[in-house]
Amino acid sequence: MTKLLRDVIGRVTEWPEDRQDEAASVLLDLEAQQENRYRLTPDQIKEVEGIQRQVRDGTAAFATDEQMAAFWKKCGL
């Protein structure tokens, strides 16, 4: 455990219980993020890089406002 974490936890133990629970909730959220990190495959990374390159070069195709309106209408929104 790092000194910083040890020091903070020492102070947190003096907080009111509801604030301690909030602090614990933040740590649990961080823990969940650590465990559930999605990893892209090498092929997915290449695809993302290609799309980024197209956006930078101005060659990427985007939906028009009309196409998006039709899409949202189809979704019932």
N, C-alpha and C. Protein backbone atom coordinates (compact mmCIF):
# COMPACT_ATOMS: atom_id res chain seq x y z
N MET A 1 0.86 -1.17 0.00
CA MET A 1 0.00 0.00 0.00
C MET A 1 0.90 1.24 0.00
N THR A 2 0.55 2.22 -0.82
CA THR A 2 1.37 3.42 -0.88
C THR A 2 1.15 4.26 0.38
N LYS A 3 2.12 5.12 0.65
CA LYS A 3 2.01 6.01 1.82
C LYS A 3 0.80 6.93 1.67
N LEU A 4 0.59 7.45 0.46
CA LEU A 4 -0.54 8.36 0.23
C LEU A 4 -1.86 7.66 0.55
N LEU A 5 -2.05 6.46 0.03
CA LEU A 5 -3.29 5.73 0.29
C LEU A 5 -3.44 5.42 1.78
N ARG A 6 -2.37 4.99 2.40
CA ARG A 6 -2.41 4.69 3.84
C ARG A 6 -2.81 5.93 4.64
N ASP A 7 -2.25 7.10 4.29
CA ASP A 7 -2.56 8.34 5.00
C ASP A 7 -4.03 8.73 4.82
N VAL A 8 -4.51 8.62 3.59
CA VAL A 8 -5.90 9.00 3.32
C VAL A 8 -6.85 8.05 4.03
N ILE A 9 -6.59 6.75 3.95
CA ILE A 9 -7.47 5.79 4.61
C ILE A 9 -7.49 6.04 6.12
N GLY A 10 -6.35 6.40 6.67
CA GLY A 10 -6.30 6.73 8.10
C GLY A 10 -7.23 7.89 8.45
N ARG A 11 -7.28 8.89 7.58
CA ARG A 11 -8.17 10.04 7.84
C ARG A 11 -9.63 9.68 7.58
N VAL A 12 -9.87 8.87 6.54
CA VAL A 12 -11.23 8.50 6.18
C VAL A 12 -11.91 7.76 7.32
N THR A 13 -11.16 7.00 8.08
CA THR A 13 -11.76 6.25 9.18
C THR A 13 -12.37 7.16 10.24
N GLU A 14 -12.02 8.43 10.21
CA GLU A 14 -12.56 9.40 11.15
C GLU A 14 -13.78 10.14 10.60
N TRP A 15 -14.08 9.93 9.33
CA TRP A 15 -15.23 10.59 8.71
C TRP A 15 -16.53 9.97 9.20
N PRO A 16 -17.65 10.69 9.04
CA PRO A 16 -18.95 10.09 9.35
C PRO A 16 -19.19 8.86 8.46
N GLU A 17 -19.99 7.93 8.94
CA GLU A 17 -20.19 6.67 8.22
C GLU A 17 -20.71 6.85 6.80
N ASP A 18 -21.61 7.82 6.60
CA ASP A 18 -22.15 7.99 5.25
C ASP A 18 -21.05 8.44 4.28
N ARG A 19 -20.14 9.27 4.74
CA ARG A 19 -19.02 9.71 3.88
C ARG A 19 -18.03 8.55 3.65
N GLN A 20 -17.84 7.70 4.66
CA GLN A 20 -16.99 6.54 4.48
C GLN A 20 -17.58 5.62 3.41
N ASP A 21 -18.90 5.45 3.43
CA ASP A 21 -19.55 4.62 2.42
C ASP A 21 -19.39 5.22 1.03
N GLU A 22 -19.45 6.55 0.92
CA GLU A 22 -19.25 7.20 -0.37
C GLU A 22 -17.83 6.96 -0.86
N ALA A 23 -16.86 7.07 0.03
CA ALA A 23 -15.46 6.83 -0.34
C ALA A 23 -15.28 5.37 -0.79
N ALA A 24 -15.88 4.45 -0.06
CA ALA A 24 -15.80 3.04 -0.43
C ALA A 24 -16.44 2.80 -1.79
N SER A 25 -17.54 3.48 -2.08
CA SER A 25 -18.22 3.33 -3.36
C SER A 25 -17.32 3.78 -4.51
N VAL A 26 -16.61 4.88 -4.31
CA VAL A 26 -15.68 5.37 -5.34
C VAL A 26 -14.59 4.33 -5.58
N LEU A 27 -14.05 3.77 -4.53
CA LEU A 27 -13.00 2.75 -4.68
C LEU A 27 -13.55 1.50 -5.36
N LEU A 28 -14.78 1.11 -5.04
CA LEU A 28 -15.38 -0.05 -5.70
C LEU A 28 -15.59 0.20 -7.19
N ASP A 29 -15.98 1.43 -7.54
CA ASP A 29 -16.12 1.78 -8.96
C ASP A 29 -14.78 1.68 -9.68
N LEU A 30 -13.72 2.17 -9.05
CA LEU A 30 -12.39 2.08 -9.64
C LEU A 30 -11.96 0.62 -9.80
N GLU A 31 -12.28 -0.18 -8.81
CA GLU A 31 -11.94 -1.60 -8.88
C GLU A 31 -12.67 -2.29 -10.03
N ALA A 32 -13.94 -1.97 -10.20
CA ALA A 32 -14.73 -2.56 -11.29
C ALA A 32 -14.16 -2.15 -12.65
N GLN A 33 -13.75 -0.90 -12.77
CA GLN A 33 -13.16 -0.43 -14.03
C GLN A 33 -11.87 -1.18 -14.32
N GLN A 34 -11.10 -1.44 -13.31
CA GLN A 34 -9.83 -2.15 -13.48
C GLN A 34 -10.07 -3.57 -13.98
N GLU A 35 -11.08 -4.22 -13.44
CA GLU A 35 -11.36 -5.62 -13.76
C GLU A 35 -12.06 -5.79 -15.10
N ASN A 36 -12.81 -4.77 -15.54
CA ASN A 36 -13.64 -4.90 -16.72
C ASN A 36 -13.11 -4.16 -17.93
N ARG A 37 -11.85 -3.87 -17.96
CA ARG A 37 -11.30 -3.14 -19.09
C ARG A 37 -11.40 -3.99 -20.35
N TYR A 38 -11.97 -3.41 -21.38
CA TYR A 38 -12.10 -4.08 -22.66
C TYR A 38 -10.82 -3.85 -23.45
N ARG A 39 -10.31 -4.88 -24.04
CA ARG A 39 -9.08 -4.78 -24.83
C ARG A 39 -9.41 -4.99 -26.31
N LEU A 40 -8.95 -4.09 -27.15
CA LEU A 40 -9.14 -4.23 -28.58
C LEU A 40 -8.16 -5.27 -29.12
N THR A 41 -8.61 -6.01 -30.13
CA THR A 41 -7.72 -6.94 -30.81
C THR A 41 -6.82 -6.13 -31.74
N PRO A 42 -5.73 -6.72 -32.19
CA PRO A 42 -4.87 -6.00 -33.15
C PRO A 42 -5.64 -5.56 -34.40
N ASP A 43 -6.56 -6.39 -34.89
CA ASP A 43 -7.35 -6.02 -36.07
C ASP A 43 -8.26 -4.82 -35.76
N GLN A 44 -8.84 -4.80 -34.57
CA GLN A 44 -9.70 -3.68 -34.19
C GLN A 44 -8.89 -2.40 -34.07
N ILE A 45 -7.69 -2.50 -33.54
CA ILE A 45 -6.82 -1.33 -33.41
C ILE A 45 -6.50 -0.77 -34.80
N LYS A 46 -6.19 -1.65 -35.75
CA LYS A 46 -5.91 -1.21 -37.12
C LYS A 46 -7.14 -0.53 -37.72
N GLU A 47 -8.32 -1.07 -37.46
CA GLU A 47 -9.55 -0.47 -37.99
C GLU A 47 -9.77 0.93 -37.41
N VAL A 48 -9.58 1.07 -36.12
CA VAL A 48 -9.73 2.39 -35.48
C VAL A 48 -8.72 3.37 -36.04
N GLU A 49 -7.49 2.94 -36.19
CA GLU A 49 -6.44 3.82 -36.74
C GLU A 49 -6.79 4.24 -38.17
N GLY A 50 -7.35 3.31 -38.94
CA GLY A 50 -7.75 3.65 -40.31
C GLY A 50 -8.86 4.68 -40.34
N ILE A 51 -9.84 4.53 -39.46
CA ILE A 51 -10.94 5.50 -39.39
C ILE A 51 -10.42 6.86 -38.94
N GLN A 52 -9.53 6.87 -37.95
CA GLN A 52 -8.94 8.14 -37.50
C GLN A 52 -8.19 8.82 -38.64
N ARG A 53 -7.47 8.03 -39.43
CA ARG A 53 -6.73 8.58 -40.57
C ARG A 53 -7.70 9.19 -41.59
N GLN A 54 -8.82 8.49 -41.86
CA GLN A 54 -9.82 9.01 -42.80
C GLN A 54 -10.42 10.32 -42.29
N VAL A 55 -10.69 10.41 -41.00
CA VAL A 55 -11.24 11.64 -40.43
C VAL A 55 -10.24 12.78 -40.60
N ARG A 56 -8.96 12.52 -40.28
CA ARG A 56 -7.92 13.54 -40.42
C ARG A 56 -7.76 13.98 -41.88
N ASP A 57 -7.83 13.01 -42.80
CA ASP A 57 -7.64 13.31 -44.23
C ASP A 57 -8.88 13.89 -44.89
N GLY A 58 -10.00 13.87 -44.18
CA GLY A 58 -11.23 14.39 -44.77
C GLY A 58 -11.90 13.43 -45.74
N THR A 59 -11.53 12.16 -45.68
CA THR A 59 -12.12 11.18 -46.61
C THR A 59 -13.15 10.28 -45.94
N ALA A 60 -13.41 10.49 -44.66
CA ALA A 60 -14.38 9.66 -43.93
C ALA A 60 -15.80 10.03 -44.37
N ALA A 61 -16.66 9.02 -44.46
CA ALA A 61 -18.05 9.24 -44.84
C ALA A 61 -18.91 9.29 -43.58
N PHE A 62 -19.70 10.34 -43.47
CA PHE A 62 -20.59 10.49 -42.33
C PHE A 62 -22.03 10.51 -42.82
N ALA A 63 -22.94 10.11 -41.96
CA ALA A 63 -24.36 10.16 -42.32
C ALA A 63 -24.81 11.61 -42.42
N THR A 64 -25.72 11.87 -43.37
CA THR A 64 -26.28 13.22 -43.50
C THR A 64 -27.32 13.43 -42.40
N ASP A 65 -27.72 14.68 -42.22
CA ASP A 65 -28.77 14.98 -41.25
C ASP A 65 -30.05 14.22 -41.59
N GLU A 66 -30.35 14.13 -42.88
CA GLU A 66 -31.55 13.43 -43.31
C GLU A 66 -31.47 11.93 -42.99
N GLN A 67 -30.30 11.33 -43.22
CA GLN A 67 -30.12 9.92 -42.90
C GLN A 67 -30.25 9.67 -41.40
N MET A 68 -29.70 10.58 -40.61
CA MET A 68 -29.80 10.41 -39.15
C MET A 68 -31.24 10.58 -38.68
N ALA A 69 -31.95 11.53 -39.26
CA ALA A 69 -33.37 11.73 -38.90
C ALA A 69 -34.17 10.47 -39.22
N ALA A 70 -33.91 9.87 -40.39
CA ALA A 70 -34.61 8.64 -40.77
C ALA A 70 -34.25 7.50 -39.80
N PHE A 71 -32.99 7.44 -39.41
CA PHE A 71 -32.56 6.40 -38.48
C PHE A 71 -33.28 6.53 -37.14
N TRP A 72 -33.30 7.75 -36.59
CA TRP A 72 -33.94 7.97 -35.30
C TRP A 72 -35.44 7.71 -35.39
N LYS A 73 -36.04 8.07 -36.51
CA LYS A 73 -37.47 7.81 -36.70
C LYS A 73 -37.72 6.31 -36.71
N LYS A 74 -36.86 5.57 -37.39
CA LYS A 74 -36.97 4.12 -37.44
C LYS A 74 -36.86 3.50 -36.04
N CYS A 75 -36.05 4.13 -35.18
CA CYS A 75 -35.87 3.66 -33.80
C CYS A 75 -37.00 4.11 -32.89
N GLY A 76 -37.91 4.91 -33.43
CA GLY A 76 -39.02 5.39 -32.61
C GLY A 76 -38.69 6.59 -31.76
N LEU A 77 -37.63 7.28 -32.10
CA LEU A 77 -37.21 8.45 -31.31
C LEU A 77 -37.40 9.73 -32.10
